[in-house]
All heavy atoms as atom14 arrays in JSON, in Angstrom:
{
  "sequence": "GNCQDCTIHCQRGESQARIKTIMAYAAPRMLLRHPVMTARYLGKKLR",
  "atom14_mask": [
    [1, 1, 1, 1, 0, 0, 0, 0, 0, 0, 0, 0, 0, 0],
    [1, 1, 1, 1, 1, 1, 1, 1, 0, 0, 0, 0, 0, 0],
    [1, 1, 1, 1, 1, 1, 0, 0, 0, 0, 0, 0, 0, 0],
    [1, 1, 1, 1, 1, 1, 1, 1, 1, 0, 0, 0, 0, 0],
    [1, 1, 1, 1, 1, 1, 1, 1, 0, 0, 0, 0, 0, 0],
    [1, 1, 1, 1, 1, 1, 0, 0, 0, 0, 0, 0, 0, 0],
    [1, 1, 1, 1, 1, 1, 1, 0, 0, 0, 0, 0, 0, 0],
    [1, 1, 1, 1, 1, 1, 1, 1, 0, 0, 0, 0, 0, 0],
    [1, 1, 1, 1, 1, 1, 1, 1, 1, 1, 0, 0, 0, 0],
    [1, 1, 1, 1, 1, 1, 0, 0, 0, 0, 0, 0, 0, 0],
    [1, 1, 1, 1, 1, 1, 1, 1, 1, 0, 0, 0, 0, 0],
    [1, 1, 1, 1, 1, 1, 1, 1, 1, 1, 1, 0, 0, 0],
    [1, 1, 1, 1, 0, 0, 0, 0, 0, 0, 0, 0, 0, 0],
    [1, 1, 1, 1, 1, 1, 1, 1, 1, 0, 0, 0, 0, 0],
    [1, 1, 1, 1, 1, 1, 0, 0, 0, 0, 0, 0, 0, 0],
    [1, 1, 1, 1, 1, 1, 1, 1, 1, 0, 0, 0, 0, 0],
    [1, 1, 1, 1, 1, 0, 0, 0, 0, 0, 0, 0, 0, 0],
    [1, 1, 1, 1, 1, 1, 1, 1, 1, 1, 1, 0, 0, 0],
    [1, 1, 1, 1, 1, 1, 1, 1, 0, 0, 0, 0, 0, 0],
    [1, 1, 1, 1, 1, 1, 1, 1, 1, 0, 0, 0, 0, 0],
    [1, 1, 1, 1, 1, 1, 1, 0, 0, 0, 0, 0, 0, 0],
    [1, 1, 1, 1, 1, 1, 1, 1, 0, 0, 0, 0, 0, 0],
    [1, 1, 1, 1, 1, 1, 1, 1, 0, 0, 0, 0, 0, 0],
    [1, 1, 1, 1, 1, 0, 0, 0, 0, 0, 0, 0, 0, 0],
    [1, 1, 1, 1, 1, 1, 1, 1, 1, 1, 1, 1, 0, 0],
    [1, 1, 1, 1, 1, 0, 0, 0, 0, 0, 0, 0, 0, 0],
    [1, 1, 1, 1, 1, 0, 0, 0, 0, 0, 0, 0, 0, 0],
    [1, 1, 1, 1, 1, 1, 1, 0, 0, 0, 0, 0, 0, 0],
    [1, 1, 1, 1, 1, 1, 1, 1, 1, 1, 1, 0, 0, 0],
    [1, 1, 1, 1, 1, 1, 1, 1, 0, 0, 0, 0, 0, 0],
    [1, 1, 1, 1, 1, 1, 1, 1, 0, 0, 0, 0, 0, 0],
    [1, 1, 1, 1, 1, 1, 1, 1, 0, 0, 0, 0, 0, 0],
    [1, 1, 1, 1, 1, 1, 1, 1, 1, 1, 1, 0, 0, 0],
    [1, 1, 1, 1, 1, 1, 1, 1, 1, 1, 0, 0, 0, 0],
    [1, 1, 1, 1, 1, 1, 1, 0, 0, 0, 0, 0, 0, 0],
    [1, 1, 1, 1, 1, 1, 1, 0, 0, 0, 0, 0, 0, 0],
    [1, 1, 1, 1, 1, 1, 1, 1, 0, 0, 0, 0, 0, 0],
    [1, 1, 1, 1, 1, 1, 1, 0, 0, 0, 0, 0, 0, 0],
    [1, 1, 1, 1, 1, 0, 0, 0, 0, 0, 0, 0, 0, 0],
    [1, 1, 1, 1, 1, 1, 1, 1, 1, 1, 1, 0, 0, 0],
    [1, 1, 1, 1, 1, 1, 1, 1, 1, 1, 1, 1, 0, 0],
    [1, 1, 1, 1, 1, 1, 1, 1, 0, 0, 0, 0, 0, 0],
    [1, 1, 1, 1, 0, 0, 0, 0, 0, 0, 0, 0, 0, 0],
    [1, 1, 1, 1, 1, 1, 1, 1, 1, 0, 0, 0, 0, 0],
    [1, 1, 1, 1, 1, 1, 1, 1, 1, 0, 0, 0, 0, 0],
    [1, 1, 1, 1, 1, 1, 1, 1, 0, 0, 0, 0, 0, 0],
    [1, 1, 1, 1, 1, 1, 1, 1, 1, 1, 1, 0, 0, 0]
  ],
  "atom14_positions": [
    [[-67.02, 23.32, 24.45], [-66.22, 24.42, 23.72], [-67.07, 25.66, 23.6], [-67.88, 26.02, 24.41], [0.0, 0.0, 0.0], [0.0, 0.0, 0.0], [0.0, 0.0, 0.0], [0.0, 0.0, 0.0], [0.0, 0.0, 0.0], [0.0, 0.0, 0.0], [0.0, 0.0, 0.0], [0.0, 0.0, 0.0], [0.0, 0.0, 0.0], [0.0, 0.0, 0.0]],
    [[-66.75, 26.34, 22.57], [-67.49, 27.55, 22.24], [-68.49, 27.31, 20.99], [-68.1, 26.58, 20.08], [-66.47, 28.69, 21.83], [-65.78, 29.19, 23.0], [-66.29, 29.75, 23.95], [-64.48, 28.99, 23.12], [0.0, 0.0, 0.0], [0.0, 0.0, 0.0], [0.0, 0.0, 0.0], [0.0, 0.0, 0.0], [0.0, 0.0, 0.0], [0.0, 0.0, 0.0]],
    [[-69.57, 27.92, 21.11], [-70.65, 27.63, 20.15], [-70.22, 27.87, 18.7], [-70.55, 26.99, 17.82], [-71.84, 28.45, 20.5], [-72.57, 27.96, 22.1], [0.0, 0.0, 0.0], [0.0, 0.0, 0.0], [0.0, 0.0, 0.0], [0.0, 0.0, 0.0], [0.0, 0.0, 0.0], [0.0, 0.0, 0.0], [0.0, 0.0, 0.0], [0.0, 0.0, 0.0]],
    [[-69.53, 28.91, 18.43], [-69.09, 29.28, 17.07], [-68.28, 28.13, 16.45], [-68.04, 27.99, 15.24], [-68.53, 30.59, 16.87], [-67.1, 30.75, 17.36], [-67.01, 31.28, 18.72], [-68.04, 31.3, 19.54], [-65.89, 31.8, 19.13], [0.0, 0.0, 0.0], [0.0, 0.0, 0.0], [0.0, 0.0, 0.0], [0.0, 0.0, 0.0], [0.0, 0.0, 0.0]],
    [[-67.59, 27.33, 17.32], [-66.7, 26.34, 16.77], [-67.34, 25.0, 16.69], [-66.76, 23.95, 16.27], [-65.47, 26.19, 17.74], [-64.66, 27.42, 17.87], [-64.56, 28.12, 16.72], [-64.06, 27.67, 18.93], [0.0, 0.0, 0.0], [0.0, 0.0, 0.0], [0.0, 0.0, 0.0], [0.0, 0.0, 0.0], [0.0, 0.0, 0.0], [0.0, 0.0, 0.0]],
    [[-68.56, 24.88, 17.05], [-69.32, 23.62, 17.15], [-69.83, 23.23, 15.8], [-70.14, 23.99, 14.93], [-70.54, 23.76, 18.11], [-71.28, 22.19, 18.52], [0.0, 0.0, 0.0], [0.0, 0.0, 0.0], [0.0, 0.0, 0.0], [0.0, 0.0, 0.0], [0.0, 0.0, 0.0], [0.0, 0.0, 0.0], [0.0, 0.0, 0.0], [0.0, 0.0, 0.0]],
    [[-69.91, 21.86, 15.66], [-70.46, 21.32, 14.37], [-71.98, 21.3, 14.37], [-72.57, 21.14, 13.24], [-69.95, 19.89, 14.18], [-70.49, 19.13, 15.27], [-68.45, 19.86, 13.99], [0.0, 0.0, 0.0], [0.0, 0.0, 0.0], [0.0, 0.0, 0.0], [0.0, 0.0, 0.0], [0.0, 0.0, 0.0], [0.0, 0.0, 0.0], [0.0, 0.0, 0.0]],
    [[-72.72, 21.44, 15.46], [-74.08, 21.24, 15.48], [-74.87, 22.58, 15.41], [-75.81, 22.7, 14.64], [-74.44, 20.58, 16.91], [-73.96, 19.19, 16.91], [-76.06, 20.61, 17.01], [-74.19, 18.47, 18.2], [0.0, 0.0, 0.0], [0.0, 0.0, 0.0], [0.0, 0.0, 0.0], [0.0, 0.0, 0.0], [0.0, 0.0, 0.0], [0.0, 0.0, 0.0]],
    [[-74.5, 23.65, 16.03], [-75.17, 24.96, 16.09], [-76.58, 24.77, 16.58], [-77.54, 24.71, 15.85], [-75.14, 25.69, 14.73], [-73.79, 26.1, 14.35], [-73.03, 26.98, 15.04], [-72.99, 25.69, 13.35], [-71.82, 27.21, 14.53], [-71.8, 26.39, 13.43], [0.0, 0.0, 0.0], [0.0, 0.0, 0.0], [0.0, 0.0, 0.0], [0.0, 0.0, 0.0]],
    [[-76.76, 24.68, 17.84], [-78.03, 24.52, 18.48], [-79.02, 25.62, 18.18], [-80.22, 25.45, 18.13], [-77.85, 24.33, 20.07], [-76.82, 22.92, 20.52], [0.0, 0.0, 0.0], [0.0, 0.0, 0.0], [0.0, 0.0, 0.0], [0.0, 0.0, 0.0], [0.0, 0.0, 0.0], [0.0, 0.0, 0.0], [0.0, 0.0, 0.0], [0.0, 0.0, 0.0]],
    [[-78.49, 26.84, 18.08], [-79.33, 28.02, 17.83], [-79.27, 28.15, 16.34], [-78.3, 28.08, 15.68], [-78.76, 29.33, 18.44], [-78.92, 29.23, 19.9], [-78.76, 30.62, 20.52], [-79.58, 31.43, 20.39], [-77.64, 30.88, 20.96], [0.0, 0.0, 0.0], [0.0, 0.0, 0.0], [0.0, 0.0, 0.0], [0.0, 0.0, 0.0], [0.0, 0.0, 0.0]],
    [[-80.53, 28.6, 15.83], [-80.64, 28.74, 14.37], [-81.45, 29.89, 14.11], [-82.25, 30.45, 15.03], [-81.35, 27.61, 13.72], [-80.61, 26.26, 13.88], [-80.15, 25.77, 12.53], [-79.51, 24.31, 12.82], [-78.28, 24.12, 12.42], [-77.52, 25.03, 11.94], [-77.87, 22.93, 12.55], [0.0, 0.0, 0.0], [0.0, 0.0, 0.0], [0.0, 0.0, 0.0]],
    [[-81.39, 30.53, 13.01], [-82.26, 31.62, 12.54], [-82.07, 32.88, 13.28], [-80.92, 33.3, 13.55], [0.0, 0.0, 0.0], [0.0, 0.0, 0.0], [0.0, 0.0, 0.0], [0.0, 0.0, 0.0], [0.0, 0.0, 0.0], [0.0, 0.0, 0.0], [0.0, 0.0, 0.0], [0.0, 0.0, 0.0], [0.0, 0.0, 0.0], [0.0, 0.0, 0.0]],
    [[-83.2, 33.49, 13.69], [-83.21, 34.79, 14.31], [-82.56, 34.77, 15.61], [-81.7, 35.7, 15.94], [-84.67, 35.26, 14.55], [-84.71, 36.66, 15.13], [-86.11, 37.17, 15.35], [-87.08, 36.59, 14.74], [-86.35, 37.92, 16.29], [0.0, 0.0, 0.0], [0.0, 0.0, 0.0], [0.0, 0.0, 0.0], [0.0, 0.0, 0.0], [0.0, 0.0, 0.0]],
    [[-82.68, 33.77, 16.49], [-81.94, 33.81, 17.81], [-80.43, 33.69, 17.56], [-79.7, 34.35, 18.35], [-82.48, 32.66, 18.62], [-82.17, 31.39, 18.09], [0.0, 0.0, 0.0], [0.0, 0.0, 0.0], [0.0, 0.0, 0.0], [0.0, 0.0, 0.0], [0.0, 0.0, 0.0], [0.0, 0.0, 0.0], [0.0, 0.0, 0.0], [0.0, 0.0, 0.0]],
    [[-80.01, 32.96, 16.59], [-78.61, 32.89, 16.36], [-78.04, 34.25, 15.9], [-77.01, 34.63, 16.23], [-78.23, 31.73, 15.32], [-76.82, 31.5, 15.1], [-76.56, 30.54, 14.02], [-77.33, 30.37, 13.1], [-75.32, 29.97, 14.13], [0.0, 0.0, 0.0], [0.0, 0.0, 0.0], [0.0, 0.0, 0.0], [0.0, 0.0, 0.0], [0.0, 0.0, 0.0]],
    [[-78.77, 34.88, 14.98], [-78.37, 36.19, 14.49], [-78.33, 37.25, 15.48], [-77.46, 37.99, 15.56], [-79.32, 36.66, 13.31], [0.0, 0.0, 0.0], [0.0, 0.0, 0.0], [0.0, 0.0, 0.0], [0.0, 0.0, 0.0], [0.0, 0.0, 0.0], [0.0, 0.0, 0.0], [0.0, 0.0, 0.0], [0.0, 0.0, 0.0], [0.0, 0.0, 0.0]],
    [[-79.32, 37.23, 16.58], [-79.3, 38.16, 17.5], [-78.14, 38.05, 18.43], [-77.6, 39.05, 18.82], [-80.66, 38.03, 18.33], [-81.84, 38.56, 17.54], [-83.18, 38.41, 18.2], [-83.17, 38.84, 19.56], [-84.02, 38.43, 20.44], [-84.99, 37.56, 20.15], [-84.12, 38.92, 21.71], [0.0, 0.0, 0.0], [0.0, 0.0, 0.0], [0.0, 0.0, 0.0]],
    [[-77.89, 36.92, 18.96], [-76.75, 36.69, 19.81], [-75.43, 36.94, 19.13], [-74.48, 37.54, 19.72], [-76.73, 35.3, 20.5], [-75.9, 35.41, 21.75], [-76.31, 34.22, 19.58], [-76.39, 36.34, 22.93], [0.0, 0.0, 0.0], [0.0, 0.0, 0.0], [0.0, 0.0, 0.0], [0.0, 0.0, 0.0], [0.0, 0.0, 0.0], [0.0, 0.0, 0.0]],
    [[-75.27, 36.71, 17.85], [-74.07, 36.94, 17.11], [-73.85, 38.44, 16.97], [-72.79, 39.03, 17.09], [-74.25, 36.4, 15.63], [-73.69, 35.03, 15.55], [-73.72, 34.6, 14.14], [-72.9, 33.3, 13.97], [-72.78, 32.89, 12.56], [0.0, 0.0, 0.0], [0.0, 0.0, 0.0], [0.0, 0.0, 0.0], [0.0, 0.0, 0.0], [0.0, 0.0, 0.0]],
    [[-75.01, 39.21, 16.8], [-74.92, 40.65, 16.76], [-74.43, 41.25, 18.13], [-73.64, 42.11, 18.12], [-76.26, 41.28, 16.33], [-76.62, 40.78, 15.01], [-76.21, 42.86, 16.26], [0.0, 0.0, 0.0], [0.0, 0.0, 0.0], [0.0, 0.0, 0.0], [0.0, 0.0, 0.0], [0.0, 0.0, 0.0], [0.0, 0.0, 0.0], [0.0, 0.0, 0.0]],
    [[-75.04, 40.77, 19.07], [-74.65, 41.25, 20.41], [-73.22, 40.99, 20.77], [-72.49, 41.8, 21.26], [-75.55, 40.6, 21.6], [-77.07, 41.15, 21.44], [-75.02, 40.79, 22.87], [-78.03, 40.39, 22.35], [0.0, 0.0, 0.0], [0.0, 0.0, 0.0], [0.0, 0.0, 0.0], [0.0, 0.0, 0.0], [0.0, 0.0, 0.0], [0.0, 0.0, 0.0]],
    [[-72.85, 39.7, 20.38], [-71.47, 39.31, 20.72], [-70.41, 40.13, 19.81], [-69.31, 40.39, 20.31], [-71.24, 37.77, 20.63], [-72.08, 37.14, 21.71], [-71.75, 35.37, 21.8], [-70.5, 35.35, 23.04], [0.0, 0.0, 0.0], [0.0, 0.0, 0.0], [0.0, 0.0, 0.0], [0.0, 0.0, 0.0], [0.0, 0.0, 0.0], [0.0, 0.0, 0.0]],
    [[-70.78, 40.27, 18.68], [-69.86, 40.97, 17.74], [-69.6, 42.46, 18.18], [-68.36, 42.91, 18.02], [-70.45, 41.03, 16.27], [0.0, 0.0, 0.0], [0.0, 0.0, 0.0], [0.0, 0.0, 0.0], [0.0, 0.0, 0.0], [0.0, 0.0, 0.0], [0.0, 0.0, 0.0], [0.0, 0.0, 0.0], [0.0, 0.0, 0.0], [0.0, 0.0, 0.0]],
    [[-70.58, 43.0, 18.74], [-70.42, 44.49, 19.23], [-69.63, 44.43, 20.61], [-68.7, 45.14, 20.78], [-71.73, 45.09, 19.36], [-71.57, 46.54, 20.01], [-71.24, 47.53, 19.19], [-71.73, 46.72, 21.32], [-70.99, 48.88, 19.76], [-71.44, 48.0, 21.97], [-71.14, 49.03, 21.13], [-70.95, 50.22, 21.69], [0.0, 0.0, 0.0], [0.0, 0.0, 0.0]],
    [[-70.04, 43.52, 21.53], [-69.61, 43.67, 22.87], [-68.29, 42.9, 23.19], [-67.65, 43.25, 24.02], [-70.64, 43.15, 23.79], [0.0, 0.0, 0.0], [0.0, 0.0, 0.0], [0.0, 0.0, 0.0], [0.0, 0.0, 0.0], [0.0, 0.0, 0.0], [0.0, 0.0, 0.0], [0.0, 0.0, 0.0], [0.0, 0.0, 0.0], [0.0, 0.0, 0.0]],
    [[-68.06, 41.85, 22.5], [-66.9, 40.97, 22.75], [-65.57, 41.74, 22.72], [-64.66, 41.58, 23.48], [-66.88, 39.74, 21.85], [0.0, 0.0, 0.0], [0.0, 0.0, 0.0], [0.0, 0.0, 0.0], [0.0, 0.0, 0.0], [0.0, 0.0, 0.0], [0.0, 0.0, 0.0], [0.0, 0.0, 0.0], [0.0, 0.0, 0.0], [0.0, 0.0, 0.0]],
    [[-65.37, 42.57, 21.65], [-64.07, 43.28, 21.65], [-63.98, 44.3, 22.86], [-62.9, 44.64, 23.31], [-64.12, 43.98, 20.33], [-65.07, 43.4, 19.51], [-66.1, 42.74, 20.5], [0.0, 0.0, 0.0], [0.0, 0.0, 0.0], [0.0, 0.0, 0.0], [0.0, 0.0, 0.0], [0.0, 0.0, 0.0], [0.0, 0.0, 0.0], [0.0, 0.0, 0.0]],
    [[-65.09, 44.76, 23.34], [-65.06, 45.68, 24.54], [-64.88, 45.03, 25.81], [-64.69, 45.65, 26.84], [-66.38, 46.51, 24.48], [-66.39, 47.49, 23.23], [-67.78, 47.82, 22.87], [-67.85, 48.85, 21.76], [-67.66, 48.59, 20.49], [-67.63, 47.26, 20.08], [-67.72, 49.48, 19.64], [0.0, 0.0, 0.0], [0.0, 0.0, 0.0], [0.0, 0.0, 0.0]],
    [[-65.13, 43.72, 25.88], [-65.03, 42.94, 27.12], [-63.51, 42.99, 27.62], [-63.41, 43.0, 28.82], [-65.38, 41.5, 26.89], [-66.83, 41.25, 26.87], [-67.73, 41.43, 28.41], [-67.22, 39.91, 29.16], [0.0, 0.0, 0.0], [0.0, 0.0, 0.0], [0.0, 0.0, 0.0], [0.0, 0.0, 0.0], [0.0, 0.0, 0.0], [0.0, 0.0, 0.0]],
    [[-62.47, 43.04, 26.86], [-61.16, 43.0, 27.28], [-60.89, 44.11, 28.38], [-60.34, 43.88, 29.38], [-60.15, 43.16, 26.07], [-58.64, 43.04, 26.47], [-58.35, 41.69, 27.29], [-57.81, 43.09, 25.27], [0.0, 0.0, 0.0], [0.0, 0.0, 0.0], [0.0, 0.0, 0.0], [0.0, 0.0, 0.0], [0.0, 0.0, 0.0], [0.0, 0.0, 0.0]],
    [[-61.29, 45.41, 28.07], [-61.1, 46.43, 28.83], [-62.1, 46.45, 30.07], [-61.59, 46.87, 31.23], [-61.32, 47.81, 28.08], [-60.33, 48.1, 27.04], [-60.66, 49.27, 26.27], [-58.86, 48.21, 27.62], [0.0, 0.0, 0.0], [0.0, 0.0, 0.0], [0.0, 0.0, 0.0], [0.0, 0.0, 0.0], [0.0, 0.0, 0.0], [0.0, 0.0, 0.0]],
    [[-63.27, 45.96, 29.99], [-64.28, 46.06, 31.1], [-64.19, 44.88, 31.98], [-64.5, 44.87, 33.15], [-65.67, 46.22, 30.46], [-65.77, 47.63, 29.71], [-67.1, 47.97, 29.3], [-67.13, 49.24, 28.69], [-67.82, 49.51, 27.69], [-68.8, 48.74, 27.19], [-67.81, 50.69, 27.12], [0.0, 0.0, 0.0], [0.0, 0.0, 0.0], [0.0, 0.0, 0.0]],
    [[-63.91, 43.73, 31.35], [-63.95, 42.47, 32.16], [-62.76, 41.53, 31.72], [-62.97, 40.52, 31.09], [-65.24, 41.68, 31.88], [-66.56, 42.47, 32.36], [-66.76, 42.72, 33.67], [-67.42, 43.17, 31.61], [-67.75, 43.37, 33.68], [-68.26, 43.68, 32.53], [0.0, 0.0, 0.0], [0.0, 0.0, 0.0], [0.0, 0.0, 0.0], [0.0, 0.0, 0.0]],
    [[-61.54, 41.9, 32.03], [-60.44, 41.15, 31.57], [-60.35, 39.74, 32.07], [-59.84, 38.86, 31.37], [-59.07, 41.94, 32.01], [-59.65, 42.84, 33.09], [-61.18, 43.04, 32.8], [0.0, 0.0, 0.0], [0.0, 0.0, 0.0], [0.0, 0.0, 0.0], [0.0, 0.0, 0.0], [0.0, 0.0, 0.0], [0.0, 0.0, 0.0], [0.0, 0.0, 0.0]],
    [[-60.82, 39.55, 33.27], [-60.84, 38.06, 33.79], [-61.72, 37.16, 33.0], [-61.42, 36.08, 32.62], [-61.15, 38.0, 35.27], [-61.2, 36.6, 35.81], [-60.1, 38.85, 36.06], [0.0, 0.0, 0.0], [0.0, 0.0, 0.0], [0.0, 0.0, 0.0], [0.0, 0.0, 0.0], [0.0, 0.0, 0.0], [0.0, 0.0, 0.0], [0.0, 0.0, 0.0]],
    [[-63.06, 37.72, 32.61], [-63.97, 36.89, 31.87], [-63.4, 36.73, 30.52], [-63.57, 35.68, 29.97], [-65.26, 37.68, 31.85], [-66.02, 37.7, 33.01], [-67.7, 38.49, 32.68], [-68.11, 38.85, 34.32], [0.0, 0.0, 0.0], [0.0, 0.0, 0.0], [0.0, 0.0, 0.0], [0.0, 0.0, 0.0], [0.0, 0.0, 0.0], [0.0, 0.0, 0.0]],
    [[-62.7, 37.7, 30.0], [-62.14, 37.57, 28.66], [-61.06, 36.57, 28.67], [-61.06, 35.64, 27.7], [-61.54, 38.93, 28.18], [-62.59, 39.84, 28.13], [-61.04, 38.82, 26.79], [0.0, 0.0, 0.0], [0.0, 0.0, 0.0], [0.0, 0.0, 0.0], [0.0, 0.0, 0.0], [0.0, 0.0, 0.0], [0.0, 0.0, 0.0], [0.0, 0.0, 0.0]],
    [[-60.26, 36.46, 29.66], [-59.19, 35.4, 29.69], [-59.84, 34.07, 29.89], [-59.21, 33.1, 29.2], [-58.22, 35.74, 30.89], [0.0, 0.0, 0.0], [0.0, 0.0, 0.0], [0.0, 0.0, 0.0], [0.0, 0.0, 0.0], [0.0, 0.0, 0.0], [0.0, 0.0, 0.0], [0.0, 0.0, 0.0], [0.0, 0.0, 0.0], [0.0, 0.0, 0.0]],
    [[-60.79, 33.93, 30.58], [-61.46, 32.64, 30.85], [-62.08, 32.21, 29.46], [-61.97, 30.98, 29.18], [-62.5, 32.77, 31.95], [-63.12, 31.52, 32.39], [-63.98, 31.62, 33.64], [-65.04, 32.73, 33.37], [-65.5, 33.52, 34.39], [-64.98, 33.43, 35.57], [-66.5, 34.35, 34.1], [0.0, 0.0, 0.0], [0.0, 0.0, 0.0], [0.0, 0.0, 0.0]],
    [[-62.74, 33.08, 28.69], [-63.3, 32.83, 27.62], [-62.21, 32.31, 26.5], [-62.42, 31.32, 25.85], [-64.09, 33.98, 27.02], [-64.54, 33.75, 25.5], [-65.61, 33.03, 25.14], [-63.72, 34.36, 24.49], [-65.96, 32.89, 23.84], [-64.11, 34.2, 23.15], [-65.18, 33.38, 22.81], [-65.57, 33.28, 21.59], [0.0, 0.0, 0.0], [0.0, 0.0, 0.0]],
    [[-61.17, 33.05, 26.44], [-60.06, 32.67, 25.42], [-59.46, 31.45, 25.8], [-59.05, 30.57, 24.93], [-59.03, 33.84, 25.42], [-59.54, 35.13, 24.65], [-58.42, 36.22, 25.01], [-59.95, 34.86, 23.34], [0.0, 0.0, 0.0], [0.0, 0.0, 0.0], [0.0, 0.0, 0.0], [0.0, 0.0, 0.0], [0.0, 0.0, 0.0], [0.0, 0.0, 0.0]],
    [[-59.2, 31.05, 27.16], [-58.75, 29.86, 27.55], [-59.63, 28.68, 27.21], [-59.25, 27.67, 26.69], [0.0, 0.0, 0.0], [0.0, 0.0, 0.0], [0.0, 0.0, 0.0], [0.0, 0.0, 0.0], [0.0, 0.0, 0.0], [0.0, 0.0, 0.0], [0.0, 0.0, 0.0], [0.0, 0.0, 0.0], [0.0, 0.0, 0.0], [0.0, 0.0, 0.0]],
    [[-60.95, 28.84, 27.34], [-61.95, 27.83, 26.8], [-61.89, 27.63, 25.43], [-61.94, 26.57, 24.83], [-63.25, 28.3, 27.3], [-64.4, 27.33, 27.01], [-65.7, 27.81, 27.52], [-66.86, 27.0, 27.17], [-68.13, 27.5, 27.58], [0.0, 0.0, 0.0], [0.0, 0.0, 0.0], [0.0, 0.0, 0.0], [0.0, 0.0, 0.0], [0.0, 0.0, 0.0]],
    [[-61.65, 28.78, 24.61], [-61.63, 28.68, 23.18], [-60.34, 27.92, 22.75], [-60.39, 27.25, 21.68], [-61.63, 30.15, 22.63], [-61.7, 30.15, 21.1], [-62.13, 31.41, 20.7], [-62.18, 31.53, 19.1], [-63.1, 30.66, 18.5], [0.0, 0.0, 0.0], [0.0, 0.0, 0.0], [0.0, 0.0, 0.0], [0.0, 0.0, 0.0], [0.0, 0.0, 0.0]],
    [[-59.34, 28.1, 23.47], [-58.05, 27.34, 23.08], [-57.99, 25.9, 23.32], [-57.14, 25.2, 22.71], [-56.82, 28.08, 23.66], [-56.67, 29.62, 23.18], [-55.51, 30.26, 23.97], [-56.29, 29.58, 21.68], [0.0, 0.0, 0.0], [0.0, 0.0, 0.0], [0.0, 0.0, 0.0], [0.0, 0.0, 0.0], [0.0, 0.0, 0.0], [0.0, 0.0, 0.0]],
    [[-58.75, 25.49, 24.27], [-58.8, 24.1, 24.63], [-59.53, 23.22, 23.57], [-60.5, 23.72, 23.09], [-59.61, 23.9, 26.03], [-58.76, 24.16, 27.26], [-59.5, 23.66, 28.42], [-60.83, 24.16, 28.64], [-61.16, 25.2, 29.45], [-60.29, 25.84, 30.16], [-62.41, 25.62, 29.43], [0.0, 0.0, 0.0], [0.0, 0.0, 0.0], [0.0, 0.0, 0.0]]
  ]
}
């Protein structure tokens, strides 16, 4: 699945915060720049 939906959260602390910051900024911009990757991600999230 997707990491944010997981019960375990393998990443913790600073590494988790860093990747969350990167994804929070870039994920909304992915739709325009990489629509196929965005569709693949959303499909994975819905399964």
